Amino acid sequence: QVQLVESGGGLVQPGGSLRLSCAASGFRLDGYAIGWFRQVPGKEREAVACISGSEGSTLYKTSVKGRFTISRDNAKNTVYLEMNRLKLEDTAIYHCASESLVLFRPCLLLEGEYDRWGQGTQVTVSS
């Protein structure tokens, strides 16, 4: 069964940290662009970060740059999103997504570029 499963979400105070994981099963993530997206109920889903399928170049949403880090561990078939100095406005359901058609291309912060999606993990930043 082909799927992406996110984990690592939870409740954290402002200024705290979380590390999200996105584990793939049924297919390999190696070589494919991966993105992290987030959505607040009632609002559109937005791109947070992505990592390319080739040399590992990354892109970030402006508001998370310097606080979030996306990385991949091909041996574990997993992608991570390290989130530091979390803010109230980071509260959302976080989804990972994989591109599955073209190997070794740069990533884009565009929802339409990804065709495999996980169910999401809730991140709540609250005091």
PDB file of N, CA and C in Angstrom:
ATOM      1  N   GLN A   1       0.843  -1.186   0.000  1.00  0.00           N
ATOM      2  CA  GLN A   1       0.000   0.000   0.000  1.00  0.00           C
ATOM      3  C   GLN A   1       0.886   1.247   0.000  1.00  0.00           C
ATOM      4  N   VAL A   2       0.631   2.121  -0.954  1.00  0.00           N
ATOM      5  CA  VAL A   2       1.400   3.354  -1.074  1.00  0.00           C
ATOM      6  C   VAL A   2       0.808   4.391  -0.134  1.00  0.00           C
ATOM      7  N   GLN A   3       1.618   4.880   0.786  1.00  0.00           N
ATOM      8  CA  GLN A   3       1.118   5.911   1.677  1.00  0.00           C
ATOM      9  C   GLN A   3       2.242   6.711   2.307  1.00  0.00           C
ATOM     10  N   LEU A   4       1.862   7.899   2.750  1.00  0.00           N
ATOM     11  CA  LEU A   4       2.732   8.769   3.531  1.00  0.00           C
ATOM     12  C   LEU A   4       2.071   8.952   4.886  1.00  0.00           C
ATOM     13  N   VAL A   5       2.860   8.816   5.923  1.00  0.00           N
ATOM     14  CA  VAL A   5       2.314   8.944   7.275  1.00  0.00           C
ATOM     15  C   VAL A   5       3.125   9.967   8.048  1.00  0.00           C
ATOM     16  N   GLU A   6       2.439  11.014   8.496  1.00  0.00           N
ATOM     17  CA  GLU A   6       3.098  12.045   9.286  1.00  0.00           C
ATOM     18  C   GLU A   6       2.975  11.716  10.780  1.00  0.00           C
ATOM     19  N   SER A   7       3.959  12.174  11.525  1.00  0.00           N
ATOM     20  CA  SER A   7       3.928  12.020  12.980  1.00  0.00           C
ATOM     21  C   SER A   7       4.759  13.132  13.599  1.00  0.00           C
ATOM     22  N   GLY A   8       4.634  13.268  14.910  1.00  0.00           N
ATOM     23  CA  GLY A   8       5.451  14.241  15.622  1.00  0.00           C
ATOM     24  C   GLY A   8       4.729  15.513  16.020  1.00  0.00           C
ATOM     25  N   GLY A   9       3.489  15.650  15.598  1.00  0.00           N
ATOM     26  CA  GLY A   9       2.737  16.832  15.987  1.00  0.00           C
ATOM     27  C   GLY A   9       2.370  16.798  17.458  1.00  0.00           C
ATOM     28  N   GLY A  10       1.837  17.913  17.935  1.00  0.00           N
ATOM     29  CA  GLY A  10       1.442  17.969  19.334  1.00  0.00           C
ATOM     30  C   GLY A  10       1.213  19.397  19.788  1.00  0.00           C
ATOM     31  N   LEU A  11       1.104  19.543  21.099  1.00  0.00           N
ATOM     32  CA  LEU A  11       0.896  20.851  21.719  1.00  0.00           C
ATOM     33  C   LEU A  11       2.221  21.368  22.256  1.00  0.00           C
ATOM     34  N   VAL A  12       2.542  22.588  21.915  1.00  0.00           N
ATOM     35  CA  VAL A  12       3.803  23.173  22.346  1.00  0.00           C
ATOM     36  C   VAL A  12       3.579  24.648  22.661  1.00  0.00           C
ATOM     37  N   GLN A  13       4.354  25.171  23.579  1.00  0.00           N
ATOM     38  CA  GLN A  13       4.255  26.587  23.928  1.00  0.00           C
ATOM     39  C   GLN A  13       4.970  27.443  22.897  1.00  0.00           C
ATOM     40  N   PRO A  14       4.593  28.694  22.777  1.00  0.00           N
ATOM     41  CA  PRO A  14       5.326  29.600  21.875  1.00  0.00           C
ATOM     42  C   PRO A  14       6.809  29.610  22.223  1.00  0.00           C
ATOM     43  N   GLY A  15       7.625  29.578  21.184  1.00  0.00           N
ATOM     44  CA  GLY A  15       9.060  29.504  21.378  1.00  0.00           C
ATOM     45  C   GLY A  15       9.603  28.099  21.434  1.00  0.00           C
ATOM     46  N   GLY A  16       8.718  27.124  21.511  1.00  0.00           N
ATOM     47  CA  GLY A  16       9.137  25.735  21.600  1.00  0.00           C
ATOM     48  C   GLY A  16       9.468  25.135  20.246  1.00  0.00           C
ATOM     49  N   SER A  17       9.765  23.830  20.269  1.00  0.00           N
ATOM     50  CA  SER A  17      10.192  23.130  19.064  1.00  0.00           C
ATOM     51  C   SER A  17       9.446  21.814  18.901  1.00  0.00           C
ATOM     52  N   LEU A  18       9.318  21.404  17.663  1.00  0.00           N
ATOM     53  CA  LEU A  18       8.790  20.092  17.313  1.00  0.00           C
ATOM     54  C   LEU A  18       9.522  19.595  16.084  1.00  0.00           C
ATOM     55  N   ARG A  19       9.604  18.282  15.951  1.00  0.00           N
ATOM     56  CA  ARG A  19      10.119  17.705  14.726  1.00  0.00           C
ATOM     57  C   ARG A  19       9.073  16.769  14.144  1.00  0.00           C
ATOM     58  N   LEU A  20       8.624  17.103  12.957  1.00  0.00           N
ATOM     59  CA  LEU A  20       7.653  16.273  12.254  1.00  0.00           C
ATOM     60  C   LEU A  20       8.381  15.272  11.366  1.00  0.00           C
ATOM     61  N   SER A  21       7.808  14.095  11.258  1.00  0.00           N
ATOM     62  CA  SER A  21       8.344  13.062  10.379  1.00  0.00           C
ATOM     63  C   SER A  21       7.308  12.693   9.335  1.00  0.00           C
ATOM     64  N   CYS A  22       7.782  12.333   8.172  1.00  0.00           N
ATOM     65  CA  CYS A  22       6.927  11.878   7.080  1.00  0.00           C
ATOM     66  C   CYS A  22       7.540  10.597   6.555  1.00  0.00           C
ATOM     67  N   ALA A  23       6.945   9.479   6.900  1.00  0.00           N
ATOM     68  CA  ALA A  23       7.471   8.179   6.507  1.00  0.00           C
ATOM     69  C   ALA A  23       6.677   7.622   5.343  1.00  0.00           C
ATOM     70  N   ALA A  24       7.388   7.148   4.342  1.00  0.00           N
ATOM     71  CA  ALA A  24       6.733   6.580   3.159  1.00  0.00           C
ATOM     72  C   ALA A  24       6.742   5.061   3.227  1.00  0.00           C
ATOM     73  N   SER A  25       5.689   4.462   2.742  1.00  0.00           N
ATOM     74  CA  SER A  25       5.644   3.003   2.600  1.00  0.00           C
ATOM     75  C   SER A  25       5.047   2.669   1.252  1.00  0.00           C
ATOM     76  N   GLY A  26       5.501   1.571   0.674  1.00  0.00           N
ATOM     77  CA  GLY A  26       5.001   1.150  -0.627  1.00  0.00           C
ATOM     78  C   GLY A  26       5.702   1.808  -1.801  1.00  0.00           C
ATOM     79  N   PHE A  27       6.571   2.765  -1.535  1.00  0.00           N
ATOM     80  CA  PHE A  27       7.353   3.399  -2.596  1.00  0.00           C
ATOM     81  C   PHE A  27       8.539   4.091  -1.953  1.00  0.00           C
ATOM     82  N   ARG A  28       9.523   4.413  -2.784  1.00  0.00           N
ATOM     83  CA  ARG A  28      10.727   5.072  -2.295  1.00  0.00           C
ATOM     84  C   ARG A  28      10.620   6.579  -2.514  1.00  0.00           C
ATOM     85  N   LEU A  29      11.082   7.329  -1.517  1.00  0.00           N
ATOM     86  CA  LEU A  29      11.113   8.783  -1.648  1.00  0.00           C
ATOM     87  C   LEU A  29      12.368   9.282  -2.359  1.00  0.00           C
ATOM     88  N   ASP A  30      13.376   8.427  -2.441  1.00  0.00           N
ATOM     89  CA  ASP A  30      14.653   8.815  -3.054  1.00  0.00           C
ATOM     90  C   ASP A  30      14.427   9.450  -4.414  1.00  0.00           C
ATOM     91  N   GLY A  31      15.014  10.622  -4.596  1.00  0.00           N
ATOM     92  CA  GLY A  31      14.987  11.230  -5.915  1.00  0.00           C
ATOM     93  C   GLY A  31      13.762  12.066  -6.222  1.00  0.00           C
ATOM     94  N   TYR A  32      12.757  12.020  -5.351  1.00  0.00           N
ATOM     95  CA  TYR A  32      11.545  12.795  -5.615  1.00  0.00           C
ATOM     96  C   TYR A  32      11.475  14.024  -4.725  1.00  0.00           C
ATOM     97  N   ALA A  33      10.942  15.095  -5.269  1.00  0.00           N
ATOM     98  CA  ALA A  33      10.713  16.304  -4.481  1.00  0.00           C
ATOM     99  C   ALA A  33       9.633  16.044  -3.433  1.00  0.00           C
ATOM    100  N   ILE A  34       9.863  16.574  -2.250  1.00  0.00           N
ATOM    101  CA  ILE A  34       8.931  16.418  -1.127  1.00  0.00           C
ATOM    102  C   ILE A  34       8.586  17.783  -0.581  1.00  0.00           C
ATOM    103  N   GLY A  35       7.343  17.968  -0.221  1.00  0.00           N
ATOM    104  CA  GLY A  35       6.916  19.232   0.354  1.00  0.00           C
ATOM    105  C   GLY A  35       6.187  19.049   1.665  1.00  0.00           C
ATOM    106  N   TRP A  36       6.248  20.067   2.491  1.00  0.00           N
ATOM    107  CA  TRP A  36       5.407  20.151   3.696  1.00  0.00           C
ATOM    108  C   TRP A  36       4.438  21.309   3.498  1.00  0.00           C
ATOM    109  N   PHE A  37       3.187  21.044   3.822  1.00  0.00           N
ATOM    110  CA  PHE A  37       2.131  22.028   3.694  1.00  0.00           C
ATOM    111  C   PHE A  37       1.369  22.095   5.020  1.00  0.00           C
ATOM    112  N   ARG A  38       0.636  23.176   5.219  1.00  0.00           N
ATOM    113  CA  ARG A  38      -0.185  23.255   6.423  1.00  0.00           C
ATOM    114  C   ARG A  38      -1.522  23.911   6.106  1.00  0.00           C
ATOM    115  N   GLN A  39      -2.489  23.568   6.919  1.00  0.00           N
ATOM    116  CA  GLN A  39      -3.832  24.098   6.689  1.00  0.00           C
ATOM    117  C   GLN A  39      -4.536  24.348   8.010  1.00  0.00           C
ATOM    118  N   VAL A  40      -5.142  25.502   8.085  1.00  0.00           N
ATOM    119  CA  VAL A  40      -6.002  25.870   9.207  1.00  0.00           C
ATOM    120  C   VAL A  40      -7.432  25.744   8.727  1.00  0.00           C
ATOM    121  N   PRO A  41      -8.330  25.159   9.509  1.00  0.00           N
ATOM    122  CA  PRO A  41      -9.730  25.037   9.078  1.00  0.00           C
ATOM    123  C   PRO A  41     -10.294  26.368   8.618  1.00  0.00           C
ATOM    124  N   GLY A  42     -10.917  26.337   7.438  1.00  0.00           N
ATOM    125  CA  GLY A  42     -11.503  27.547   6.899  1.00  0.00           C
ATOM    126  C   GLY A  42     -10.560  28.365   6.042  1.00  0.00           C
ATOM    127  N   LYS A  43      -9.310  27.936   5.983  1.00  0.00           N
ATOM    128  CA  LYS A  43      -8.332  28.652   5.164  1.00  0.00           C
ATOM    129  C   LYS A  43      -7.717  27.713   4.136  1.00  0.00           C
ATOM    130  N   GLU A  44      -7.111  28.289   3.128  1.00  0.00           N
ATOM    131  CA  GLU A  44      -6.468  27.489   2.094  1.00  0.00           C
ATOM    132  C   GLU A  44      -5.184  26.858   2.630  1.00  0.00           C
ATOM    133  N   ARG A  45      -4.872  25.702   2.076  1.00  0.00           N
ATOM    134  CA  ARG A  45      -3.626  25.037   2.432  1.00  0.00           C
ATOM    135  C   ARG A  45      -2.464  25.842   1.866  1.00  0.00           C
ATOM    136  N   GLU A  46      -1.400  25.970   2.619  1.00  0.00           N
ATOM    137  CA  GLU A  46      -0.253  26.751   2.164  1.00  0.00           C
ATOM    138  C   GLU A  46       1.025  25.919   2.253  1.00  0.00           C
ATOM    139  N   ALA A  47       1.925  26.198   1.352  1.00  0.00           N
ATOM    140  CA  ALA A  47       3.218  25.506   1.343  1.00  0.00           C
ATOM    141  C   ALA A  47       4.122  26.082   2.418  1.00  0.00           C
ATOM    142  N   VAL A  48       4.828  25.219   3.081  1.00  0.00           N
ATOM    143  CA  VAL A  48       5.734  25.631   4.154  1.00  0.00           C
ATOM    144  C   VAL A  48       7.188  25.465   3.739  1.00  0.00           C
ATOM    145  N   ALA A  49       7.513  24.305   3.191  1.00  0.00           N
ATOM    146  CA  ALA A  49       8.899  24.017   2.813  1.00  0.00           C
ATOM    147  C   ALA A  49       8.908  22.873   1.824  1.00  0.00           C
ATOM    148  N   CYS A  50       9.983  22.797   1.053  1.00  0.00           N
ATOM    149  CA  CYS A  50      10.146  21.648   0.170  1.00  0.00           C
ATOM    150  C   CYS A  50      11.624  21.365  -0.005  1.00  0.00           C
ATOM    151  N   ILE A  51      11.896  20.125  -0.434  1.00  0.00           N
ATOM    152  CA  ILE A  51      13.260  19.696  -0.668  1.00  0.00           C
ATOM    153  C   ILE A  51      13.314  18.991  -2.006  1.00  0.00           C
ATOM    154  N   SER A  52      14.339  19.279  -2.761  1.00  0.00           N
ATOM    155  CA  SER A  52      14.423  18.745  -4.119  1.00  0.00           C
ATOM    156  C   SER A  52      14.728  17.259  -4.111  1.00  0.00           C
ATOM    157  N   GLY A  53      14.524  16.644  -5.265  1.00  0.00           N
ATOM    158  CA  GLY A  53      14.813  15.231  -5.402  1.00  0.00           C
ATOM    159  C   GLY A  53      16.247  14.945  -5.790  1.00  0.00           C
ATOM    160  N   SER A  54      17.016  15.963  -6.015  1.00  0.00           N
ATOM    161  CA  SER A  54      18.395  15.755  -6.476  1.00  0.00           C
ATOM    162  C   SER A  54      19.402  16.126  -5.404  1.00  0.00           C
ATOM    163  N   GLU A  55      19.921  17.309  -5.459  1.00  0.00           N
ATOM    164  CA  GLU A  55      21.018  17.685  -4.560  1.00  0.00           C
ATOM    165  C   GLU A  55      20.554  18.128  -3.193  1.00  0.00           C
ATOM    166  N   GLY A  56      19.252  18.119  -2.956  1.00  0.00           N
ATOM    167  CA  GLY A  56      18.765  18.458  -1.633  1.00  0.00           C
ATOM    168  C   GLY A  56      18.550  19.934  -1.404  1.00  0.00           C
ATOM    169  N   SER A  57      18.422  20.698  -2.482  1.00  0.00           N
ATOM    170  CA  SER A  57      18.137  22.121  -2.299  1.00  0.00           C
ATOM    171  C   SER A  57      16.754  22.286  -1.691  1.00  0.00           C
ATOM    172  N   THR A  58      16.563  23.374  -0.979  1.00  0.00           N
ATOM    173  CA  THR A  58      15.328  23.590  -0.228  1.00  0.00           C
ATOM    174  C   THR A  58      14.741  24.962  -0.514  1.00  0.00           C
ATOM    175  N   LEU A  59      13.454  25.062  -0.274  1.00  0.00           N
ATOM    176  CA  LEU A  59      12.736  26.329  -0.339  1.00  0.00           C
ATOM    177  C   LEU A  59      11.855  26.443   0.886  1.00  0.00           C
ATOM    178  N   TYR A  60      11.639  27.667   1.350  1.00  0.00           N
ATOM    179  CA  TYR A  60      10.812  27.879   2.537  1.00  0.00           C
ATOM    180  C   TYR A  60       9.859  29.045   2.325  1.00  0.00           C
ATOM    181  N   LYS A  61       8.703  28.925   2.941  1.00  0.00           N
ATOM    182  CA  LYS A  61       7.788  30.064   3.058  1.00  0.00           C
ATOM    183  C   LYS A  61       8.520  31.137   3.854  1.00  0.00           C
ATOM    184  N   THR A  62       8.339  32.373   3.458  1.00  0.00           N
ATOM    185  CA  THR A  62       9.090  33.463   4.067  1.00  0.00           C
ATOM    186  C   THR A  62       8.947  33.501   5.591  1.00  0.00           C
ATOM    187  N   SER A  63       7.747  33.271   6.066  1.00  0.00           N
ATOM    188  CA  SER A  63       7.496  33.425   7.505  1.00  0.00           C
ATOM    189  C   SER A  63       8.134  32.328   8.356  1.00  0.00           C
ATOM    190  N   VAL A  64       8.595  31.245   7.743  1.00  0.00           N
ATOM    191  CA  VAL A  64       9.228  30.176   8.521  1.00  0.00           C
ATOM    192  C   VAL A  64      10.728  30.089   8.270  1.00  0.00           C
ATOM    193  N   LYS A  65      11.221  30.869   7.339  1.00  0.00           N
ATOM    194  CA  LYS A  65      12.641  30.828   6.996  1.00  0.00           C
ATOM    195  C   LYS A  65      13.480  31.175   8.225  1.00  0.00           C
ATOM    196  N   GLY A  66      14.487  30.364   8.476  1.00  0.00           N
ATOM    197  CA  GLY A  66      15.330  30.582   9.640  1.00  0.00           C
ATOM    198  C   GLY A  66      14.821  29.895  10.894  1.00  0.00           C
ATOM    199  N   ARG A  67      13.565  29.440  10.870  1.00  0.00           N
ATOM    200  CA  ARG A  67      12.998  28.728  12.022  1.00  0.00           C
ATOM    201  C   ARG A  67      12.749  27.247  11.710  1.00  0.00           C
ATOM    202  N   PHE A  68      12.375  26.950  10.477  1.00  0.00           N
ATOM    203  CA  PHE A  68      12.061  25.575  10.069  1.00  0.00           C
ATOM    204  C   PHE A  68      13.176  25.046   9.178  1.00  0.00           C
ATOM    205  N   THR A  69      13.415  23.743   9.281  1.00  0.00           N
ATOM    206  CA  THR A  69      14.396  23.085   8.440  1.00  0.00           C
ATOM    207  C   THR A  69      13.823  21.774   7.928  1.00  0.00           C
ATOM    208  N   ILE A  70      13.821  21.616   6.614  1.00  0.00           N
ATOM    209  CA  ILE A  70      13.384  20.363   6.006  1.00  0.00           C
ATOM    210  C   ILE A  70      14.611  19.537   5.655  1.00  0.00           C
ATOM    211  N   SER A  71      14.518  18.231   5.869  1.00  0.00           N
ATOM    212  CA  SER A  71      15.637  17.349   5.551  1.00  0.00           C
ATOM    213  C   SER A  71      15.083  15.983   5.189  1.00  0.00           C
ATOM    214  N   ARG A  72      15.943  15.157   4.604  1.00  0.00           N
ATOM    215  CA  ARG A  72      15.492  13.828   4.227  1.00  0.00           C
ATOM    216  C   ARG A  72      16.539  12.799   4.609  1.00  0.00           C
ATOM    217  N   ASP A  73      16.081  11.625   4.980  1.00  0.00           N
ATOM    218  CA  ASP A  73      16.948  10.493   5.278  1.00  0.00           C
ATOM    219  C   ASP A  73      16.504   9.369   4.359  1.00  0.00           C
ATOM    220  N   ASN A  74      17.194   9.220   3.250  1.00  0.00           N
ATOM    221  CA  ASN A  74      16.783   8.230   2.254  1.00  0.00           C
ATOM    222  C   ASN A  74      16.881   6.803   2.795  1.00  0.00           C
ATOM    223  N   ALA A  75      17.821   6.565   3.680  1.00  0.00           N
ATOM    224  CA  ALA A  75      17.968   5.224   4.249  1.00  0.00           C
ATOM    225  C   ALA A  75      16.724   4.831   5.053  1.00  0.00           C
ATOM    226  N   LYS A  76      16.105   5.834   5.689  1.00  0.00           N
ATOM    227  CA  LYS A  76      14.903   5.574   6.484  1.00  0.00           C
ATOM    228  C   LYS A  76      13.627   5.846   5.688  1.00  0.00           C
ATOM    229  N   ASN A  77      13.799   6.290   4.434  1.00  0.00           N
ATOM    230  CA  ASN A  77      12.649   6.609   3.592  1.00  0.00           C
ATOM    231  C   ASN A  77      11.722   7.610   4.276  1.00  0.00           C
ATOM    232  N   THR A  78      12.330   8.623   4.856  1.00  0.00           N
ATOM    233  CA  THR A  78      11.606   9.575   5.695  1.00  0.00           C
ATOM    234  C   THR A  78      12.100  10.999   5.433  1.00  0.00           C
ATOM    235  N   VAL A  79      11.177  11.924   5.520  1.00  0.00           N
ATOM    236  CA  VAL A  79      11.499  13.346   5.430  1.00  0.00           C
ATOM    237  C   VAL A  79      11.077  13.994   6.742  1.00  0.00           C
ATOM    238  N   TYR A  80      11.833  14.980   7.169  1.00  0.00           N
ATOM    239  CA  TYR A  80      11.581  15.637   8.447  1.00  0.00           C
ATOM    240  C   TYR A  80      11.327  17.125   8.253  1.00  0.00           C
ATOM    241  N   LEU A  81      10.628  17.690   9.215  1.00  0.00           N
ATOM    242  CA  LEU A  81      10.482  19.136   9.300  1.00  0.00           C
ATOM    243  C   LEU A  81      10.777  19.531  10.740  1.00  0.00           C
ATOM    244  N   GLU A  82      11.940  20.102  10.940  1.00  0.00           N
ATOM    245  CA  GLU A  82      12.331  20.592  12.255  1.00  0.00           C
ATOM    246  C   GLU A  82      11.788  21.996  12.405  1.00  0.00           C
ATOM    247  N   MET A  83      11.000  22.214  13.456  1.00  0.00           N
ATOM    248  CA  MET A  83      10.355  23.516  13.653  1.00  0.00           C
ATOM    249  C   MET A  83      10.804  24.093  14.983  1.00  0.00           C
ATOM    250  N   ASN A  84      11.454  25.229  14.930  1.00  0.00           N
ATOM    251  CA  ASN A  84      11.953  25.904  16.133  1.00  0.00           C
ATOM    252  C   ASN A  84      11.308  27.268  16.279  1.00  0.00           C
ATOM    253  N   ARG A  85      11.398  27.820  17.481  1.00  0.00           N
ATOM    254  CA  ARG A  85      10.831  29.151  17.785  1.00  0.00           C
ATOM    255  C   ARG A  85       9.401  29.243  17.258  1.00  0.00           C
ATOM    256  N   LEU A  86       8.614  28.267  17.614  1.00  0.00           N
ATOM    257  CA  LEU A  86       7.248  28.204  17.107  1.00  0.00           C
ATOM    258  C   LEU A  86       6.411  29.376  17.603  1.00  0.00           C
ATOM    259  N   LYS A  87       5.503  29.808  16.737  1.00  0.00           N
ATOM    260  CA  LYS A  87       4.628  30.931  17.018  1.00  0.00           C
ATOM    261  C   LYS A  87       3.173  30.473  17.006  1.00  0.00           C
ATOM    262  N   LEU A  88       2.314  31.284  17.599  1.00  0.00           N
ATOM    263  CA  LEU A  88       0.896  30.935  17.624  1.00  0.00           C
ATOM    264  C   LEU A  88       0.367  30.690  16.218  1.00  0.00           C
ATOM    265  N   GLU A  89       0.833  31.476  15.271  1.00  0.00           N
ATOM    266  CA  GLU A  89       0.330  31.375  13.902  1.00  0.00           C
ATOM    267  C   GLU A  89       0.845  30.160  13.151  1.00  0.00           C
ATOM    268  N   ASP A  90       1.701  29.372  13.766  1.00  0.00           N
ATOM    269  CA  ASP A  90       2.139  28.115  13.152  1.00  0.00           C
ATOM    270  C   ASP A  90       1.153  26.977  13.417  1.00  0.00           C
ATOM    271  N   THR A  91       0.154  27.246  14.235  1.00  0.00           N
ATOM    272  CA  THR A  91      -0.857  26.237  14.531  1.00  0.00           C
ATOM    273  C   THR A  91      -1.601  25.839  13.262  1.00  0.00           C
ATOM    274  N   ALA A  92      -1.619  24.548  12.971  1.00  0.00           N
ATOM    275  CA  ALA A  92      -2.268  24.047  11.746  1.00  0.00           C
ATOM    276  C   ALA A  92      -2.142  22.533  11.706  1.00  0.00           C
ATOM    277  N   ILE A  93      -2.808  21.947  10.736  1.00  0.00           N
ATOM    278  CA  ILE A  93      -2.550  20.546  10.398  1.00  0.00           C
ATOM    279  C   ILE A  93      -1.460  20.544   9.328  1.00  0.00           C
ATOM    280  N   TYR A  94      -0.409  19.789   9.593  1.00  0.00           N
ATOM    281  CA  TYR A  94       0.727  19.746   8.684  1.00  0.00           C
ATOM    282  C   TYR A  94       0.680  18.450   7.872  1.00  0.00           C
ATOM    283  N   HIS A  95       0.797  18.606   6.555  1.00  0.00           N
ATOM    284  CA  HIS A  95       0.786  17.477   5.643  1.00  0.00           C
ATOM    285  C   HIS A  95       2.103  17.412   4.886  1.00  0.00           C
ATOM    286  N   CYS A  96       2.574  16.212   4.647  1.00  0.00           N
ATOM    287  CA  CYS A  96       3.683  16.062   3.716  1.00  0.00           C
ATOM    288  C   CYS A  96       3.133  15.541   2.391  1.00  0.00           C
ATOM    289  N   ALA A  97       3.879  15.811   1.336  1.00  0.00           N
ATOM    290  CA  ALA A  97       3.448  15.414   0.001  1.00  0.00           C
ATOM    291  C   ALA A  97       4.664  15.055  -0.823  1.00  0.00           C
ATOM    292  N   SER A  98       4.481  14.094  -1.700  1.00  0.00           N
ATOM    293  CA  SER A  98       5.568  13.641  -2.549  1.00  0.00           C
ATOM    294  C   SER A  98       5.198  13.769  -4.007  1.00  0.00           C
ATOM    295  N   GLU A  99       6.156  14.187  -4.794  1.00  0.00           N
ATOM    296  CA  GLU A  99       6.028  14.128  -6.240  1.00  0.00           C
ATOM    297  C   GLU A  99       6.441  12.714  -6.626  1.00  0.00           C
ATOM    298  N   SER A 100       5.773  12.122  -7.609  1.00  0.00           N
ATOM    299  CA  SER A 100       6.064  10.721  -7.898  1.00  0.00           C
ATOM    300  C   SER A 100       6.285  10.407  -9.365  1.00  0.00           C
ATOM    301  N   LEU A 101       6.382  11.420 -10.218  1.00  0.00           N
ATOM    302  CA  LEU A 101       6.490  11.164 -11.649  1.00  0.00           C
ATOM    303  C   LEU A 101       7.860  11.479 -12.224  1.00  0.00           C
ATOM    304  N   VAL A 102       8.505  12.524 -11.713  1.00  0.00           N
ATOM    305  CA  VAL A 102       9.765  12.982 -12.303  1.00  0.00           C
ATOM    306  C   VAL A 102      10.853  12.954 -11.246  1.00  0.00           C
ATOM    307  N   LEU A 103      11.906  12.209 -11.532  1.00  0.00           N
ATOM    308  CA  LEU A 103      13.020  12.115 -10.590  1.00  0.00           C
ATOM    309  C   LEU A 103      13.962  13.311 -10.715  1.00  0.00           C
ATOM    310  N   PHE A 104      14.587  13.633  -9.610  1.00  0.00           N
ATOM    311  CA  PHE A 104      15.710  14.568  -9.564  1.00  0.00           C
ATOM    312  C   PHE A 104      15.400  15.954 -10.107  1.00  0.00           C
ATOM    313  N   ARG A 105      14.244  16.463  -9.786  1.00  0.00           N
ATOM    314  CA  ARG A 105      13.964  17.821 -10.213  1.00  0.00           C
ATOM    315  C   ARG A 105      13.893  18.731  -8.989  1.00  0.00           C
ATOM    316  N   PRO A 106      14.102  20.014  -9.192  1.00  0.00           N
ATOM    317  CA  PRO A 106      13.980  20.944  -8.066  1.00  0.00           C
ATOM    318  C   PRO A 106      12.558  20.953  -7.507  1.00  0.00           C
ATOM    319  N   CYS A 107      12.442  21.288  -6.254  1.00  0.00           N
ATOM    320  CA  CYS A 107      11.100  21.335  -5.668  1.00  0.00           C
ATOM    321  C   CYS A 107      10.482  22.719  -5.867  1.00  0.00           C
ATOM    322  N   LEU A 108       9.156  22.740  -5.766  1.00  0.00           N
ATOM    323  CA  LEU A 108       8.411  23.989  -5.869  1.00  0.00           C
ATOM    324  C   LEU A 108       7.422  24.083  -4.720  1.00  0.00           C
ATOM    325  N   LEU A 109       7.158  25.287  -4.263  1.00  0.00           N
ATOM    326  CA  LEU A 109       6.181  25.487  -3.192  1.00  0.00           C
ATOM    327  C   LEU A 109       4.788  25.649  -3.794  1.00  0.00           C
ATOM    328  N   LEU A 110       4.392  24.656  -4.554  1.00  0.00           N
ATOM    329  CA  LEU A 110       3.107  24.664  -5.236  1.00  0.00           C
ATOM    330  C   LEU A 110       2.392  23.344  -4.976  1.00  0.00           C
ATOM    331  N   GLU A 111       1.190  23.429  -4.492  1.00  0.00           N
ATOM    332  CA  GLU A 111       0.429  22.239  -4.138  1.00  0.00           C
ATOM    333  C   GLU A 111       0.254  21.303  -5.325  1.00  0.00           C
ATOM    334  N   GLY A 112       0.050  21.852  -6.496  1.00  0.00           N
ATOM    335  CA  GLY A 112      -0.227  21.041  -7.673  1.00  0.00           C
ATOM    336  C   GLY A 112       0.942  20.215  -8.168  1.00  0.00           C
ATOM    337  N   GLU A 113       2.124  20.465  -7.629  1.00  0.00           N
ATOM    338  CA  GLU A 113       3.301  19.725  -8.046  1.00  0.00           C
ATOM    339  C   GLU A 113       3.392  18.357  -7.385  1.00  0.00           C
ATOM    340  N   TYR A 114       2.560  18.094  -6.416  1.00  0.00           N
ATOM    341  CA  TYR A 114       2.663  16.879  -5.605  1.00  0.00           C
ATOM    342  C   TYR A 114       1.403  16.046  -5.769  1.00  0.00           C
ATOM    343  N   ASP A 115       1.584  14.735  -5.866  1.00  0.00           N
ATOM    344  CA  ASP A 115       0.417  13.898  -6.124  1.00  0.00           C
ATOM    345  C   ASP A 115       0.187  12.821  -5.073  1.00  0.00           C
ATOM    346  N   ARG A 116       1.068  12.716  -4.106  1.00  0.00           N
ATOM    347  CA  ARG A 116       0.834  11.779  -3.000  1.00  0.00           C
ATOM    348  C   ARG A 116       0.852  12.575  -1.704  1.00  0.00           C
ATOM    349  N   TRP A 117      -0.166  12.381  -0.901  1.00  0.00           N
ATOM    350  CA  TRP A 117      -0.347  13.184   0.300  1.00  0.00           C
ATOM    351  C   TRP A 117      -0.596  12.317   1.519  1.00  0.00           C
ATOM    352  N   GLY A 118      -0.074  12.783   2.647  1.00  0.00           N
ATOM    353  CA  GLY A 118      -0.390  12.134   3.912  1.00  0.00           C
ATOM    354  C   GLY A 118      -1.633  12.738   4.528  1.00  0.00           C
ATOM    355  N   GLN A 119      -2.090  12.119   5.613  1.00  0.00           N
ATOM    356  CA  GLN A 119      -3.317  12.559   6.268  1.00  0.00           C
ATOM    357  C   GLN A 119      -3.111  13.769   7.169  1.00  0.00           C
ATOM    358  N   GLY A 120      -1.893  13.997   7.558  1.00  0.00           N
ATOM    359  CA  GLY A 120      -1.603  15.173   8.362  1.00  0.00           C
ATOM    360  C   GLY A 120      -1.408  14.890   9.833  1.00  0.00           C
ATOM    361  N   THR A 121      -0.732  15.822  10.488  1.00  0.00           N
ATOM    362  CA  THR A 121      -0.540  15.763  11.930  1.00  0.00           C
ATOM    363  C   THR A 121      -0.781  17.156  12.500  1.00  0.00           C
ATOM    364  N   GLN A 122      -1.492  17.207  13.621  1.00  0.00           N
ATOM    365  CA  GLN A 122      -1.885  18.490  14.202  1.00  0.00           C
ATOM    366  C   GLN A 122      -0.736  19.088  15.002  1.00  0.00           C
ATOM    367  N   VAL A 123      -0.468  20.350  14.729  1.00  0.00           N
ATOM    368  CA  VAL A 123       0.492  21.121  15.518  1.00  0.00           C
ATOM    369  C   VAL A 123      -0.278  22.281  16.146  1.00  0.00           C
ATOM    370  N   THR A 124      -0.230  22.365  17.459  1.00  0.00           N
ATOM    371  CA  THR A 124      -0.908  23.433  18.179  1.00  0.00           C
ATOM    372  C   THR A 124       0.104  24.179  19.026  1.00  0.00           C
ATOM    373  N   VAL A 125       0.222  25.459  18.772  1.00  0.00           N
ATOM    374  CA  VAL A 125       1.119  26.314  19.542  1.00  0.00           C
ATOM    375  C   VAL A 125       0.242  27.198  20.419  1.00  0.00           C
ATOM    376  N   SER A 126       0.366  27.013  21.717  1.00  0.00           N
ATOM    377  CA  SER A 126      -0.510  27.723  22.640  1.00  0.00           C
ATOM    378  C   SER A 126       0.161  27.847  23.999  1.00  0.00           C
ATOM    379  N   SER A 127      -0.115  28.953  24.673  1.00  0.00           N
ATOM    380  CA  SER A 127       0.410  29.141  26.020  1.00  0.00           C
ATOM    381  C   SER A 127      -0.618  28.710  27.064  1.00  0.00           C
TER     382      SER A 127
END
